[in-house]
Amino acid sequence: MHRFASVILVDRRGWILLQERDEHPVIDPEKWGFSGGHVEDGEEFLAAAYRELAEETGVKLDDGLTLWREVEVFHAAYDSMDRVQVFAAATTLTDDDLVCNEGRRICFVDPAVVPTLDLTTAGALALPDFLASSLYRDLKEQP
């Protein structure tokens, strides 16, 4: 079993941070998903979430991430059921504050567009529930 940490940031409009993956990843190439990645040996999920967010977007948060949910995801590339913890936070960041260090692009996406996107396996499992959650409603209402 592999472990992954993912991050959803919700901006002032209620748009969510997503990454358009390119053709290079072993898991879910050319799909839209969360920022995040592998949890290293000996690393906690939360620490991995902060590390992965910084590596992929240039955004260095010191705190504020809340564990929303853990999901089990089958990754065909590994032929395994893997644990994914999804963390979320409100943000005042905009696309101009982001650096795309991985994938085609990383940007805030209008939730109305999400059903039209080809989502990663984890994204397809978790994102609709997140958008219907009380945590999402609370985060999009924060100043």
N, C-alpha and C. Protein backbone atom coordinates (compact mmCIF):
# COMPACT_ATOMS: atom_id res chain seq x y z
N MET A 1 0.85 -1.18 0.00
CA MET A 1 0.00 0.00 0.00
C MET A 1 0.89 1.24 0.00
N HIS A 2 0.56 2.19 -0.86
CA HIS A 2 1.27 3.47 -0.92
C HIS A 2 0.44 4.50 -0.17
N ARG A 3 1.11 5.56 0.27
CA ARG A 3 0.43 6.64 0.99
C ARG A 3 0.63 7.94 0.22
N PHE A 4 -0.46 8.71 0.13
CA PHE A 4 -0.44 9.98 -0.58
C PHE A 4 -1.12 11.05 0.27
N ALA A 5 -0.65 12.29 0.11
CA ALA A 5 -1.28 13.44 0.75
C ALA A 5 -1.67 14.42 -0.35
N SER A 6 -2.90 14.90 -0.29
CA SER A 6 -3.41 15.84 -1.29
C SER A 6 -3.93 17.09 -0.62
N VAL A 7 -3.91 18.20 -1.37
CA VAL A 7 -4.33 19.49 -0.83
C VAL A 7 -5.35 20.14 -1.76
N ILE A 8 -6.43 20.64 -1.14
CA ILE A 8 -7.40 21.47 -1.85
C ILE A 8 -7.38 22.84 -1.19
N LEU A 9 -7.04 23.86 -1.96
CA LEU A 9 -7.17 25.23 -1.47
C LEU A 9 -8.41 25.84 -2.11
N VAL A 10 -9.16 26.60 -1.32
CA VAL A 10 -10.39 27.24 -1.78
C VAL A 10 -10.18 28.74 -1.73
N ASP A 11 -10.31 29.39 -2.90
CA ASP A 11 -10.07 30.84 -2.92
C ASP A 11 -11.33 31.63 -2.54
N ARG A 12 -11.24 32.94 -2.58
CA ARG A 12 -12.34 33.82 -2.14
C ARG A 12 -13.61 33.65 -2.96
N ARG A 13 -13.46 33.20 -4.21
CA ARG A 13 -14.62 32.98 -5.08
C ARG A 13 -15.27 31.63 -4.85
N GLY A 14 -14.58 30.77 -4.07
CA GLY A 14 -15.04 29.40 -3.90
C GLY A 14 -14.46 28.46 -4.94
N TRP A 15 -13.50 28.96 -5.74
CA TRP A 15 -12.84 28.13 -6.74
C TRP A 15 -11.79 27.28 -6.04
N ILE A 16 -11.47 26.14 -6.62
CA ILE A 16 -10.56 25.20 -5.98
C ILE A 16 -9.27 25.01 -6.78
N LEU A 17 -8.19 24.81 -6.05
CA LEU A 17 -6.89 24.60 -6.68
C LEU A 17 -6.82 23.19 -7.25
N LEU A 18 -6.55 23.10 -8.55
CA LEU A 18 -6.37 21.82 -9.21
C LEU A 18 -5.14 21.86 -10.10
N GLN A 19 -4.61 20.68 -10.35
CA GLN A 19 -3.45 20.54 -11.22
C GLN A 19 -3.85 19.73 -12.46
N GLU A 20 -3.49 20.26 -13.63
CA GLU A 20 -3.63 19.48 -14.85
C GLU A 20 -2.32 18.73 -15.05
N ARG A 21 -2.38 17.42 -14.91
CA ARG A 21 -1.18 16.60 -15.03
C ARG A 21 -0.77 16.50 -16.50
N ASP A 22 0.52 16.32 -16.74
CA ASP A 22 0.98 16.13 -18.12
C ASP A 22 1.07 14.63 -18.40
N GLU A 23 1.77 14.27 -19.48
CA GLU A 23 1.85 12.87 -19.90
C GLU A 23 2.87 12.04 -19.13
N HIS A 24 3.65 12.66 -18.23
CA HIS A 24 4.76 11.96 -17.58
C HIS A 24 4.44 11.14 -16.34
N PRO A 25 3.45 11.45 -15.52
CA PRO A 25 3.25 10.68 -14.29
C PRO A 25 2.84 9.23 -14.56
N VAL A 26 3.26 8.35 -13.66
CA VAL A 26 2.86 6.95 -13.73
C VAL A 26 1.38 6.82 -13.42
N ILE A 27 0.90 7.62 -12.47
CA ILE A 27 -0.50 7.57 -12.04
C ILE A 27 -1.28 8.69 -12.73
N ASP A 28 -2.35 8.33 -13.40
CA ASP A 28 -3.32 9.28 -13.96
C ASP A 28 -2.71 10.39 -14.83
N PRO A 29 -1.90 10.04 -15.83
CA PRO A 29 -1.37 11.08 -16.70
C PRO A 29 -2.50 11.80 -17.44
N GLU A 30 -2.27 13.09 -17.71
CA GLU A 30 -3.18 13.92 -18.49
C GLU A 30 -4.59 14.02 -17.90
N LYS A 31 -4.65 14.03 -16.59
CA LYS A 31 -5.93 14.20 -15.90
C LYS A 31 -5.80 15.36 -14.91
N TRP A 32 -6.92 15.84 -14.43
CA TRP A 32 -6.96 16.91 -13.44
C TRP A 32 -7.09 16.32 -12.05
N GLY A 33 -6.33 16.85 -11.10
CA GLY A 33 -6.42 16.36 -9.74
C GLY A 33 -5.88 17.36 -8.74
N PHE A 34 -5.72 16.87 -7.54
CA PHE A 34 -5.24 17.70 -6.44
C PHE A 34 -3.73 17.88 -6.51
N SER A 35 -3.24 18.95 -5.91
CA SER A 35 -1.81 19.04 -5.64
C SER A 35 -1.51 18.03 -4.55
N GLY A 36 -0.35 17.44 -4.62
CA GLY A 36 0.02 16.47 -3.61
C GLY A 36 0.83 15.35 -4.20
N GLY A 37 1.14 14.36 -3.37
CA GLY A 37 1.94 13.25 -3.85
C GLY A 37 2.27 12.27 -2.76
N HIS A 38 3.30 11.48 -3.03
CA HIS A 38 3.72 10.41 -2.13
C HIS A 38 4.12 10.94 -0.75
N VAL A 39 3.74 10.20 0.27
CA VAL A 39 4.21 10.43 1.62
C VAL A 39 5.49 9.60 1.77
N GLU A 40 6.57 10.24 2.13
CA GLU A 40 7.86 9.56 2.26
C GLU A 40 7.87 8.65 3.47
N ASP A 41 8.76 7.66 3.48
CA ASP A 41 8.93 6.78 4.64
C ASP A 41 9.25 7.61 5.86
N GLY A 42 8.55 7.36 6.96
CA GLY A 42 8.77 8.08 8.20
C GLY A 42 8.11 9.45 8.26
N GLU A 43 7.46 9.88 7.19
CA GLU A 43 6.83 11.20 7.12
C GLU A 43 5.35 11.08 7.47
N GLU A 44 4.83 12.06 8.16
CA GLU A 44 3.40 12.12 8.46
C GLU A 44 2.65 12.67 7.24
N PHE A 45 1.38 12.30 7.13
CA PHE A 45 0.56 12.78 6.01
C PHE A 45 0.53 14.31 5.95
N LEU A 46 0.32 14.97 7.09
CA LEU A 46 0.21 16.43 7.11
C LEU A 46 1.50 17.09 6.64
N ALA A 47 2.62 16.61 7.12
CA ALA A 47 3.92 17.16 6.69
C ALA A 47 4.10 16.98 5.19
N ALA A 48 3.68 15.83 4.68
CA ALA A 48 3.79 15.58 3.24
C ALA A 48 2.89 16.53 2.45
N ALA A 49 1.71 16.82 2.98
CA ALA A 49 0.80 17.74 2.30
C ALA A 49 1.45 19.12 2.14
N TYR A 50 2.03 19.64 3.22
CA TYR A 50 2.71 20.94 3.14
C TYR A 50 3.90 20.89 2.18
N ARG A 51 4.68 19.83 2.27
CA ARG A 51 5.87 19.68 1.41
C ARG A 51 5.47 19.60 -0.06
N GLU A 52 4.50 18.75 -0.37
CA GLU A 52 4.08 18.58 -1.76
C GLU A 52 3.48 19.87 -2.33
N LEU A 53 2.69 20.57 -1.53
CA LEU A 53 2.13 21.84 -2.00
C LEU A 53 3.24 22.82 -2.36
N ALA A 54 4.24 22.92 -1.50
CA ALA A 54 5.36 23.83 -1.76
C ALA A 54 6.15 23.40 -3.00
N GLU A 55 6.41 22.10 -3.12
CA GLU A 55 7.18 21.61 -4.27
C GLU A 55 6.45 21.86 -5.59
N GLU A 56 5.15 21.66 -5.61
CA GLU A 56 4.41 21.73 -6.87
C GLU A 56 3.96 23.13 -7.24
N THR A 57 3.72 23.99 -6.23
CA THR A 57 3.13 25.31 -6.52
C THR A 57 3.98 26.49 -6.08
N GLY A 58 5.02 26.24 -5.27
CA GLY A 58 5.79 27.32 -4.69
C GLY A 58 5.14 27.96 -3.48
N VAL A 59 3.96 27.47 -3.10
CA VAL A 59 3.22 28.02 -1.96
C VAL A 59 3.68 27.33 -0.68
N LYS A 60 4.22 28.12 0.24
CA LYS A 60 4.71 27.57 1.51
C LYS A 60 3.79 28.04 2.63
N LEU A 61 2.94 27.12 3.09
CA LEU A 61 2.06 27.41 4.20
C LEU A 61 2.70 26.86 5.48
N ASP A 62 2.51 27.57 6.58
CA ASP A 62 3.02 27.11 7.87
C ASP A 62 1.96 26.35 8.65
N ASP A 63 0.71 26.67 8.41
CA ASP A 63 -0.39 25.99 9.09
C ASP A 63 -1.67 26.26 8.32
N GLY A 64 -2.79 25.78 8.85
CA GLY A 64 -4.08 26.07 8.25
C GLY A 64 -4.72 24.90 7.53
N LEU A 65 -3.96 23.86 7.19
CA LEU A 65 -4.57 22.72 6.52
C LEU A 65 -5.37 21.87 7.51
N THR A 66 -6.56 21.48 7.08
CA THR A 66 -7.45 20.65 7.87
C THR A 66 -7.64 19.32 7.14
N LEU A 67 -7.51 18.22 7.86
CA LEU A 67 -7.79 16.93 7.24
C LEU A 67 -9.28 16.86 6.96
N TRP A 68 -9.62 16.67 5.70
CA TRP A 68 -11.03 16.54 5.34
C TRP A 68 -11.45 15.07 5.32
N ARG A 69 -10.67 14.23 4.66
CA ARG A 69 -11.08 12.83 4.51
C ARG A 69 -9.89 11.98 4.09
N GLU A 70 -9.99 10.71 4.43
CA GLU A 70 -9.06 9.72 3.88
C GLU A 70 -9.85 8.81 2.97
N VAL A 71 -9.31 8.56 1.78
CA VAL A 71 -9.96 7.66 0.83
C VAL A 71 -8.97 6.58 0.43
N GLU A 72 -9.51 5.43 0.09
CA GLU A 72 -8.70 4.37 -0.48
C GLU A 72 -8.90 4.40 -1.99
N VAL A 73 -7.79 4.39 -2.71
CA VAL A 73 -7.82 4.53 -4.15
C VAL A 73 -7.04 3.37 -4.78
N PHE A 74 -7.64 2.72 -5.76
CA PHE A 74 -6.92 1.70 -6.50
C PHE A 74 -6.14 2.38 -7.61
N HIS A 75 -4.83 2.20 -7.57
CA HIS A 75 -3.95 2.73 -8.62
C HIS A 75 -3.49 1.56 -9.48
N ALA A 76 -3.99 1.48 -10.69
CA ALA A 76 -3.66 0.38 -11.58
C ALA A 76 -2.16 0.31 -11.85
N ALA A 77 -1.50 1.46 -11.90
CA ALA A 77 -0.06 1.48 -12.16
C ALA A 77 0.72 0.73 -11.10
N TYR A 78 0.22 0.72 -9.87
CA TYR A 78 0.87 0.01 -8.77
C TYR A 78 0.16 -1.30 -8.43
N ASP A 79 -1.01 -1.51 -9.02
CA ASP A 79 -1.85 -2.66 -8.71
C ASP A 79 -2.08 -2.77 -7.20
N SER A 80 -2.42 -1.61 -6.60
CA SER A 80 -2.62 -1.60 -5.15
C SER A 80 -3.71 -0.62 -4.74
N MET A 81 -4.31 -0.94 -3.60
CA MET A 81 -5.23 -0.01 -2.94
C MET A 81 -4.36 0.89 -2.07
N ASP A 82 -4.43 2.19 -2.28
CA ASP A 82 -3.55 3.13 -1.60
C ASP A 82 -4.35 4.10 -0.75
N ARG A 83 -3.72 4.57 0.32
CA ARG A 83 -4.34 5.53 1.22
C ARG A 83 -4.02 6.95 0.74
N VAL A 84 -5.07 7.77 0.64
CA VAL A 84 -4.92 9.19 0.27
C VAL A 84 -5.62 10.02 1.33
N GLN A 85 -4.87 10.88 1.99
CA GLN A 85 -5.49 11.84 2.91
C GLN A 85 -5.60 13.17 2.18
N VAL A 86 -6.80 13.74 2.24
CA VAL A 86 -7.09 15.00 1.55
C VAL A 86 -7.24 16.10 2.60
N PHE A 87 -6.41 17.13 2.46
CA PHE A 87 -6.41 18.28 3.36
C PHE A 87 -6.96 19.48 2.61
N ALA A 88 -7.55 20.43 3.35
CA ALA A 88 -8.14 21.61 2.71
C ALA A 88 -7.91 22.84 3.56
N ALA A 89 -7.94 24.00 2.89
CA ALA A 89 -7.81 25.28 3.58
C ALA A 89 -8.36 26.38 2.67
N ALA A 90 -8.80 27.46 3.30
CA ALA A 90 -9.17 28.66 2.56
C ALA A 90 -7.89 29.43 2.26
N THR A 91 -7.90 30.21 1.19
CA THR A 91 -6.72 30.99 0.83
C THR A 91 -7.11 32.30 0.18
N THR A 92 -6.23 33.27 0.28
CA THR A 92 -6.38 34.53 -0.45
C THR A 92 -5.48 34.55 -1.69
N LEU A 93 -4.80 33.44 -1.96
CA LEU A 93 -3.92 33.35 -3.12
C LEU A 93 -4.73 33.42 -4.41
N THR A 94 -4.05 33.82 -5.48
CA THR A 94 -4.63 33.82 -6.82
C THR A 94 -3.71 33.02 -7.73
N ASP A 95 -4.12 32.82 -8.96
CA ASP A 95 -3.28 32.11 -9.93
C ASP A 95 -1.92 32.77 -10.08
N ASP A 96 -1.86 34.09 -9.95
CA ASP A 96 -0.60 34.81 -10.09
C ASP A 96 0.40 34.47 -8.99
N ASP A 97 -0.06 33.92 -7.89
CA ASP A 97 0.81 33.55 -6.77
C ASP A 97 1.38 32.15 -6.92
N LEU A 98 0.93 31.41 -7.91
CA LEU A 98 1.30 30.01 -8.07
C LEU A 98 2.43 29.85 -9.09
N VAL A 99 3.27 28.87 -8.85
CA VAL A 99 4.30 28.47 -9.80
C VAL A 99 4.00 27.02 -10.17
N CYS A 100 3.95 26.71 -11.44
CA CYS A 100 3.67 25.34 -11.87
C CYS A 100 4.99 24.59 -12.00
N ASN A 101 5.35 23.87 -10.94
CA ASN A 101 6.59 23.10 -10.95
C ASN A 101 6.37 21.65 -11.38
N GLU A 102 5.13 21.29 -11.62
CA GLU A 102 4.81 19.91 -12.01
C GLU A 102 3.51 19.93 -12.79
N GLY A 103 3.46 19.18 -13.89
CA GLY A 103 2.25 19.11 -14.69
C GLY A 103 2.17 20.22 -15.72
N ARG A 104 1.02 20.28 -16.40
CA ARG A 104 0.81 21.32 -17.42
C ARG A 104 0.48 22.67 -16.81
N ARG A 105 -0.39 22.61 -15.79
CA ARG A 105 -0.75 23.86 -15.12
C ARG A 105 -1.39 23.56 -13.78
N ILE A 106 -1.30 24.55 -12.92
CA ILE A 106 -1.93 24.51 -11.61
C ILE A 106 -2.67 25.83 -11.48
N CYS A 107 -3.97 25.75 -11.23
CA CYS A 107 -4.77 26.97 -11.19
C CYS A 107 -6.03 26.75 -10.36
N PHE A 108 -6.69 27.84 -10.05
CA PHE A 108 -7.98 27.77 -9.37
C PHE A 108 -9.06 27.56 -10.43
N VAL A 109 -9.95 26.62 -10.15
CA VAL A 109 -10.96 26.19 -11.12
C VAL A 109 -12.35 26.43 -10.54
N ASP A 110 -13.21 26.98 -11.37
CA ASP A 110 -14.61 27.18 -11.01
C ASP A 110 -15.26 25.82 -10.76
N PRO A 111 -15.89 25.61 -9.60
CA PRO A 111 -16.52 24.31 -9.33
C PRO A 111 -17.54 23.89 -10.38
N ALA A 112 -18.15 24.86 -11.06
CA ALA A 112 -19.13 24.53 -12.10
C ALA A 112 -18.47 23.80 -13.28
N VAL A 113 -17.16 23.97 -13.44
CA VAL A 113 -16.43 23.33 -14.53
C VAL A 113 -15.99 21.91 -14.18
N VAL A 114 -15.91 21.60 -12.90
CA VAL A 114 -15.37 20.32 -12.44
C VAL A 114 -16.03 19.12 -13.12
N PRO A 115 -17.35 19.08 -13.29
CA PRO A 115 -17.96 17.90 -13.95
C PRO A 115 -17.49 17.68 -15.38
N THR A 116 -16.93 18.69 -16.02
CA THR A 116 -16.47 18.54 -17.40
C THR A 116 -15.01 18.09 -17.50
N LEU A 117 -14.31 18.03 -16.36
CA LEU A 117 -12.89 17.68 -16.36
C LEU A 117 -12.68 16.18 -16.28
N ASP A 118 -11.63 15.72 -16.92
CA ASP A 118 -11.21 14.32 -16.81
C ASP A 118 -10.35 14.23 -15.54
N LEU A 119 -10.94 13.74 -14.46
CA LEU A 119 -10.31 13.76 -13.14
C LEU A 119 -9.47 12.51 -12.88
N THR A 120 -8.46 12.68 -12.02
CA THR A 120 -7.69 11.56 -11.52
C THR A 120 -8.62 10.63 -10.76
N THR A 121 -8.15 9.43 -10.48
CA THR A 121 -8.97 8.48 -9.73
C THR A 121 -9.33 9.04 -8.36
N ALA A 122 -8.35 9.59 -7.65
CA ALA A 122 -8.62 10.18 -6.33
C ALA A 122 -9.54 11.38 -6.45
N GLY A 123 -9.33 12.21 -7.47
CA GLY A 123 -10.18 13.37 -7.68
C GLY A 123 -11.62 12.98 -7.94
N ALA A 124 -11.82 11.96 -8.76
CA ALA A 124 -13.18 11.51 -9.07
C ALA A 124 -13.88 10.94 -7.83
N LEU A 125 -13.10 10.31 -6.95
CA LEU A 125 -13.68 9.75 -5.73
C LEU A 125 -14.02 10.83 -4.71
N ALA A 126 -13.14 11.83 -4.58
CA ALA A 126 -13.25 12.77 -3.46
C ALA A 126 -13.84 14.14 -3.81
N LEU A 127 -13.58 14.64 -5.00
CA LEU A 127 -13.94 16.03 -5.29
C LEU A 127 -15.44 16.31 -5.27
N PRO A 128 -16.29 15.48 -5.85
CA PRO A 128 -17.73 15.78 -5.75
C PRO A 128 -18.22 15.83 -4.31
N ASP A 129 -17.74 14.91 -3.47
CA ASP A 129 -18.14 14.92 -2.06
C ASP A 129 -17.60 16.15 -1.35
N PHE A 130 -16.38 16.55 -1.69
CA PHE A 130 -15.82 17.75 -1.06
C PHE A 130 -16.67 18.97 -1.40
N LEU A 131 -17.03 19.12 -2.66
CA LEU A 131 -17.81 20.28 -3.09
C LEU A 131 -19.20 20.30 -2.45
N ALA A 132 -19.70 19.15 -2.01
CA ALA A 132 -20.99 19.07 -1.33
C ALA A 132 -20.85 19.14 0.19
N SER A 133 -19.63 19.26 0.69
CA SER A 133 -19.39 19.17 2.13
C SER A 133 -19.58 20.49 2.86
N SER A 134 -19.82 20.38 4.15
CA SER A 134 -19.90 21.58 4.99
C SER A 134 -18.54 22.26 5.10
N LEU A 135 -17.45 21.50 5.03
CA LEU A 135 -16.12 22.12 5.07
C LEU A 135 -15.93 23.05 3.88
N TYR A 136 -16.30 22.61 2.70
CA TYR A 136 -16.19 23.47 1.52
C TYR A 136 -17.05 24.74 1.70
N ARG A 137 -18.28 24.58 2.16
CA ARG A 137 -19.13 25.75 2.38
C ARG A 137 -18.49 26.71 3.38
N ASP A 138 -17.92 26.18 4.45
CA ASP A 138 -17.26 27.03 5.44
C ASP A 138 -16.03 27.73 4.88
N LEU A 139 -15.23 27.01 4.11
CA LEU A 139 -13.99 27.58 3.57
C LEU A 139 -14.28 28.68 2.56
N LYS A 140 -15.30 28.50 1.74
CA LYS A 140 -15.57 29.53 0.71
C LYS A 140 -16.21 30.78 1.32
N GLU A 141 -16.68 30.68 2.55
CA GLU A 141 -17.27 31.85 3.22
C GLU A 141 -16.27 32.60 4.09
N GLN A 142 -15.05 32.09 4.21
CA GLN A 142 -14.05 32.78 5.02
C GLN A 142 -13.55 34.02 4.27
N PRO A 143 -13.24 35.08 5.05
CA PRO A 143 -12.77 36.32 4.40
C PRO A 143 -11.40 36.16 3.78
